[in-house]
Amino acid sequence: MVVLHQLIERMFNQPSGEDDTFHLLLSHFHLDFRMVTPQGRQLDLNQREELFR
């Protein structure tokens, strides 16, 4: 979990496209994993990609 939070922090604190952080972050999630937002919304793989872009 700590690594994922560090990757998210790195993504938001560096210029877009500077390294492979985005792809590294997404590689930690299983394809069937669903992320639940604080509002209760379930995000699939495509929606997670949109969230972090």
PDB file of N, CA and C in Angstrom:
ATOM      1  N   MET A   1       0.813  -1.194   0.000  1.00  0.00           N
ATOM      2  CA  MET A   1       0.000   0.000   0.000  1.00  0.00           C
ATOM      3  C   MET A   1       0.858   1.259   0.000  1.00  0.00           C
ATOM      4  N   VAL A   2       1.924   1.239   0.762  1.00  0.00           N
ATOM      5  CA  VAL A   2       2.790   2.416   0.848  1.00  0.00           C
ATOM      6  C   VAL A   2       3.369   2.744  -0.521  1.00  0.00           C
ATOM      7  N   VAL A   3       3.789   1.711  -1.248  1.00  0.00           N
ATOM      8  CA  VAL A   3       4.372   1.931  -2.580  1.00  0.00           C
ATOM      9  C   VAL A   3       3.356   2.591  -3.502  1.00  0.00           C
ATOM     10  N   LEU A   4       2.101   2.141  -3.455  1.00  0.00           N
ATOM     11  CA  LEU A   4       1.073   2.741  -4.310  1.00  0.00           C
ATOM     12  C   LEU A   4       0.877   4.216  -3.980  1.00  0.00           C
ATOM     13  N   HIS A   5       0.849   4.546  -2.709  1.00  0.00           N
ATOM     14  CA  HIS A   5       0.683   5.946  -2.320  1.00  0.00           C
ATOM     15  C   HIS A   5       1.896   6.789  -2.745  1.00  0.00           C
ATOM     16  N   GLN A   6       3.068   6.202  -2.684  1.00  0.00           N
ATOM     17  CA  GLN A   6       4.263   6.918  -3.134  1.00  0.00           C
ATOM     18  C   GLN A   6       4.215   7.165  -4.637  1.00  0.00           C
ATOM     19  N   LEU A   7       3.737   6.188  -5.390  1.00  0.00           N
ATOM     20  CA  LEU A   7       3.617   6.360  -6.846  1.00  0.00           C
ATOM     21  C   LEU A   7       2.592   7.440  -7.187  1.00  0.00           C
ATOM     22  N   ILE A   8       1.468   7.436  -6.477  1.00  0.00           N
ATOM     23  CA  ILE A   8       0.443   8.460  -6.715  1.00  0.00           C
ATOM     24  C   ILE A   8       1.008   9.848  -6.395  1.00  0.00           C
ATOM     25  N   GLU A   9       1.712   9.957  -5.294  1.00  0.00           N
ATOM     26  CA  GLU A   9       2.325  11.237  -4.933  1.00  0.00           C
ATOM     27  C   GLU A   9       3.315  11.680  -6.005  1.00  0.00           C
ATOM     28  N   ARG A  10       4.115  10.749  -6.502  1.00  0.00           N
ATOM     29  CA  ARG A  10       5.096  11.087  -7.544  1.00  0.00           C
ATOM     30  C   ARG A  10       4.397  11.562  -8.811  1.00  0.00           C
ATOM     31  N   MET A  11       3.278  10.915  -9.171  1.00  0.00           N
ATOM     32  CA  MET A  11       2.543  11.307 -10.380  1.00  0.00           C
ATOM     33  C   MET A  11       2.045  12.748 -10.298  1.00  0.00           C
ATOM     34  N   PHE A  12       1.559  13.151  -9.124  1.00  0.00           N
ATOM     35  CA  PHE A  12       0.980  14.480  -8.981  1.00  0.00           C
ATOM     36  C   PHE A  12       2.024  15.565  -8.734  1.00  0.00           C
ATOM     37  N   ASN A  13       3.266  15.172  -8.502  1.00  0.00           N
ATOM     38  CA  ASN A  13       4.311  16.150  -8.210  1.00  0.00           C
ATOM     39  C   ASN A  13       5.375  16.257  -9.280  1.00  0.00           C
ATOM     40  N   GLN A  14       5.127  15.707 -10.454  1.00  0.00           N
ATOM     41  CA  GLN A  14       6.097  15.806 -11.543  1.00  0.00           C
ATOM     42  C   GLN A  14       5.365  16.129 -12.839  1.00  0.00           C
ATOM     43  N   PRO A  15       6.071  16.691 -13.794  1.00  0.00           N
ATOM     44  CA  PRO A  15       5.447  16.988 -15.087  1.00  0.00           C
ATOM     45  C   PRO A  15       4.944  15.714 -15.759  1.00  0.00           C
ATOM     46  N   SER A  16       3.844  15.826 -16.455  1.00  0.00           N
ATOM     47  CA  SER A  16       3.237  14.690 -17.143  1.00  0.00           C
ATOM     48  C   SER A  16       4.200  14.062 -18.138  1.00  0.00           C
ATOM     49  N   GLY A  17       4.228  12.718 -18.150  1.00  0.00           N
ATOM     50  CA  GLY A  17       5.047  12.004 -19.113  1.00  0.00           C
ATOM     51  C   GLY A  17       6.525  11.980 -18.806  1.00  0.00           C
ATOM     52  N   GLU A  18       6.912  12.397 -17.605  1.00  0.00           N
ATOM     53  CA  GLU A  18       8.327  12.473 -17.282  1.00  0.00           C
ATOM     54  C   GLU A  18       8.965  11.092 -17.130  1.00  0.00           C
ATOM     55  N   ASP A  19       8.219  10.109 -16.633  1.00  0.00           N
ATOM     56  CA  ASP A  19       8.742   8.750 -16.521  1.00  0.00           C
ATOM     57  C   ASP A  19       7.601   7.748 -16.625  1.00  0.00           C
ATOM     58  N   ASP A  20       7.849   6.510 -16.236  1.00  0.00           N
ATOM     59  CA  ASP A  20       6.843   5.457 -16.390  1.00  0.00           C
ATOM     60  C   ASP A  20       6.007   5.242 -15.129  1.00  0.00           C
ATOM     61  N   THR A  21       5.911   6.231 -14.264  1.00  0.00           N
ATOM     62  CA  THR A  21       5.186   6.099 -12.999  1.00  0.00           C
ATOM     63  C   THR A  21       3.738   5.680 -13.215  1.00  0.00           C
ATOM     64  N   PHE A  22       3.070   6.268 -14.189  1.00  0.00           N
ATOM     65  CA  PHE A  22       1.662   5.953 -14.460  1.00  0.00           C
ATOM     66  C   PHE A  22       1.489   4.471 -14.749  1.00  0.00           C
ATOM     67  N   HIS A  23       2.293   3.929 -15.643  1.00  0.00           N
ATOM     68  CA  HIS A  23       2.174   2.514 -16.008  1.00  0.00           C
ATOM     69  C   HIS A  23       2.609   1.610 -14.857  1.00  0.00           C
ATOM     70  N   LEU A  24       3.597   2.037 -14.097  1.00  0.00           N
ATOM     71  CA  LEU A  24       4.033   1.275 -12.939  1.00  0.00           C
ATOM     72  C   LEU A  24       2.914   1.197 -11.895  1.00  0.00           C
ATOM     73  N   LEU A  25       2.232   2.305 -11.665  1.00  0.00           N
ATOM     74  CA  LEU A  25       1.115   2.320 -10.720  1.00  0.00           C
ATOM     75  C   LEU A  25       0.032   1.335 -11.151  1.00  0.00           C
ATOM     76  N   LEU A  26      -0.388   1.417 -12.410  1.00  0.00           N
ATOM     77  CA  LEU A  26      -1.468   0.554 -12.879  1.00  0.00           C
ATOM     78  C   LEU A  26      -1.074  -0.921 -12.886  1.00  0.00           C
ATOM     79  N   SER A  27       0.217  -1.211 -13.027  1.00  0.00           N
ATOM     80  CA  SER A  27       0.658  -2.609 -13.053  1.00  0.00           C
ATOM     81  C   SER A  27       0.487  -3.305 -11.705  1.00  0.00           C
ATOM     82  N   HIS A  28       0.281  -2.536 -10.641  1.00  0.00           N
ATOM     83  CA  HIS A  28       0.087  -3.127  -9.310  1.00  0.00           C
ATOM     84  C   HIS A  28      -1.341  -3.641  -9.101  1.00  0.00           C
ATOM     85  N   PHE A  29      -2.254  -3.289  -9.983  1.00  0.00           N
ATOM     86  CA  PHE A  29      -3.656  -3.689  -9.834  1.00  0.00           C
ATOM     87  C   PHE A  29      -3.973  -4.889 -10.721  1.00  0.00           C
ATOM     88  N   HIS A  30      -4.663  -5.878 -10.169  1.00  0.00           N
ATOM     89  CA  HIS A  30      -5.163  -7.005 -10.953  1.00  0.00           C
ATOM     90  C   HIS A  30      -6.213  -6.463 -11.917  1.00  0.00           C
ATOM     91  N   LEU A  31      -6.330  -7.072 -13.088  1.00  0.00           N
ATOM     92  CA  LEU A  31      -7.271  -6.581 -14.105  1.00  0.00           C
ATOM     93  C   LEU A  31      -8.713  -6.548 -13.599  1.00  0.00           C
ATOM     94  N   ASP A  32      -9.075  -7.461 -12.694  1.00  0.00           N
ATOM     95  CA  ASP A  32     -10.449  -7.515 -12.182  1.00  0.00           C
ATOM     96  C   ASP A  32     -10.661  -6.681 -10.919  1.00  0.00           C
ATOM     97  N   PHE A  33      -9.609  -6.029 -10.441  1.00  0.00           N
ATOM     98  CA  PHE A  33      -9.715  -5.227  -9.220  1.00  0.00           C
ATOM     99  C   PHE A  33     -10.653  -4.047  -9.452  1.00  0.00           C
ATOM    100  N   ARG A  34     -11.496  -3.777  -8.467  1.00  0.00           N
ATOM    101  CA  ARG A  34     -12.375  -2.608  -8.515  1.00  0.00           C
ATOM    102  C   ARG A  34     -12.036  -1.708  -7.341  1.00  0.00           C
ATOM    103  N   MET A  35     -11.741  -0.460  -7.655  1.00  0.00           N
ATOM    104  CA  MET A  35     -11.425   0.530  -6.628  1.00  0.00           C
ATOM    105  C   MET A  35     -12.726   1.197  -6.205  1.00  0.00           C
ATOM    106  N   VAL A  36     -12.925   1.346  -4.906  1.00  0.00           N
ATOM    107  CA  VAL A  36     -14.127   1.986  -4.390  1.00  0.00           C
ATOM    108  C   VAL A  36     -13.749   3.389  -3.906  1.00  0.00           C
ATOM    109  N   THR A  37     -14.417   4.385  -4.465  1.00  0.00           N
ATOM    110  CA  THR A  37     -14.150   5.778  -4.100  1.00  0.00           C
ATOM    111  C   THR A  37     -14.809   6.093  -2.755  1.00  0.00           C
ATOM    112  N   PRO A  38     -14.420   7.195  -2.135  1.00  0.00           N
ATOM    113  CA  PRO A  38     -15.077   7.596  -0.875  1.00  0.00           C
ATOM    114  C   PRO A  38     -16.593   7.778  -1.027  1.00  0.00           C
ATOM    115  N   GLN A  39     -17.061   8.050  -2.233  1.00  0.00           N
ATOM    116  CA  GLN A  39     -18.496   8.212  -2.483  1.00  0.00           C
ATOM    117  C   GLN A  39     -19.196   6.873  -2.719  1.00  0.00           C
ATOM    118  N   GLY A  40     -18.437   5.757  -2.708  1.00  0.00           N
ATOM    119  CA  GLY A  40     -19.014   4.433  -2.900  1.00  0.00           C
ATOM    120  C   GLY A  40     -19.049   3.971  -4.346  1.00  0.00           C
ATOM    121  N   ARG A  41     -18.529   4.750  -5.257  1.00  0.00           N
ATOM    122  CA  ARG A  41     -18.518   4.389  -6.679  1.00  0.00           C
ATOM    123  C   ARG A  41     -17.418   3.355  -6.929  1.00  0.00           C
ATOM    124  N   GLN A  42     -17.711   2.296  -7.683  1.00  0.00           N
ATOM    125  CA  GLN A  42     -16.728   1.273  -8.011  1.00  0.00           C
ATOM    126  C   GLN A  42     -16.117   1.574  -9.374  1.00  0.00           C
ATOM    127  N   LEU A  43     -14.787   1.616  -9.422  1.00  0.00           N
ATOM    128  CA  LEU A  43     -14.076   1.928 -10.657  1.00  0.00           C
ATOM    129  C   LEU A  43     -13.404   0.682 -11.210  1.00  0.00           C
ATOM    130  N   ASP A  44     -13.648   0.393 -12.491  1.00  0.00           N
ATOM    131  CA  ASP A  44     -12.971  -0.729 -13.138  1.00  0.00           C
ATOM    132  C   ASP A  44     -11.634  -0.251 -13.707  1.00  0.00           C
ATOM    133  N   LEU A  45     -10.955  -1.102 -14.458  1.00  0.00           N
ATOM    134  CA  LEU A  45      -9.633  -0.782 -14.987  1.00  0.00           C
ATOM    135  C   LEU A  45      -9.630   0.516 -15.794  1.00  0.00           C
ATOM    136  N   ASN A  46     -10.543   0.663 -16.728  1.00  0.00           N
ATOM    137  CA  ASN A  46     -10.578   1.864 -17.565  1.00  0.00           C
ATOM    138  C   ASN A  46     -10.873   3.118 -16.752  1.00  0.00           C
ATOM    139  N   GLN A  47     -11.757   3.002 -15.794  1.00  0.00           N
ATOM    140  CA  GLN A  47     -12.098   4.159 -14.962  1.00  0.00           C
ATOM    141  C   GLN A  47     -10.935   4.544 -14.054  1.00  0.00           C
ATOM    142  N   ARG A  48     -10.162   3.555 -13.575  1.00  0.00           N
ATOM    143  CA  ARG A  48      -8.978   3.870 -12.771  1.00  0.00           C
ATOM    144  C   ARG A  48      -7.945   4.599 -13.615  1.00  0.00           C
ATOM    145  N   GLU A  49      -7.780   4.153 -14.848  1.00  0.00           N
ATOM    146  CA  GLU A  49      -6.831   4.847 -15.745  1.00  0.00           C
ATOM    147  C   GLU A  49      -7.241   6.299 -15.922  1.00  0.00           C
ATOM    148  N   GLU A  50      -8.526   6.539 -16.145  1.00  0.00           N
ATOM    149  CA  GLU A  50      -9.027   7.907 -16.312  1.00  0.00           C
ATOM    150  C   GLU A  50      -8.800   8.732 -15.051  1.00  0.00           C
ATOM    151  N   LEU A  51      -9.009   8.121 -13.885  1.00  0.00           N
ATOM    152  CA  LEU A  51      -8.833   8.827 -12.624  1.00  0.00           C
ATOM    153  C   LEU A  51      -7.414   9.336 -12.454  1.00  0.00           C
ATOM    154  N   PHE A  52      -6.433   8.537 -12.833  1.00  0.00           N
ATOM    155  CA  PHE A  52      -5.040   8.889 -12.591  1.00  0.00           C
ATOM    156  C   PHE A  52      -4.365   9.610 -13.747  1.00  0.00           C
ATOM    157  N   ARG A  53      -5.052   9.832 -14.831  1.00  0.00           N
ATOM    158  CA  ARG A  53      -4.448  10.559 -15.968  1.00  0.00           C
ATOM    159  C   ARG A  53      -4.540  12.047 -15.747  1.00  0.00           C
TER     160      ARG A  53
END
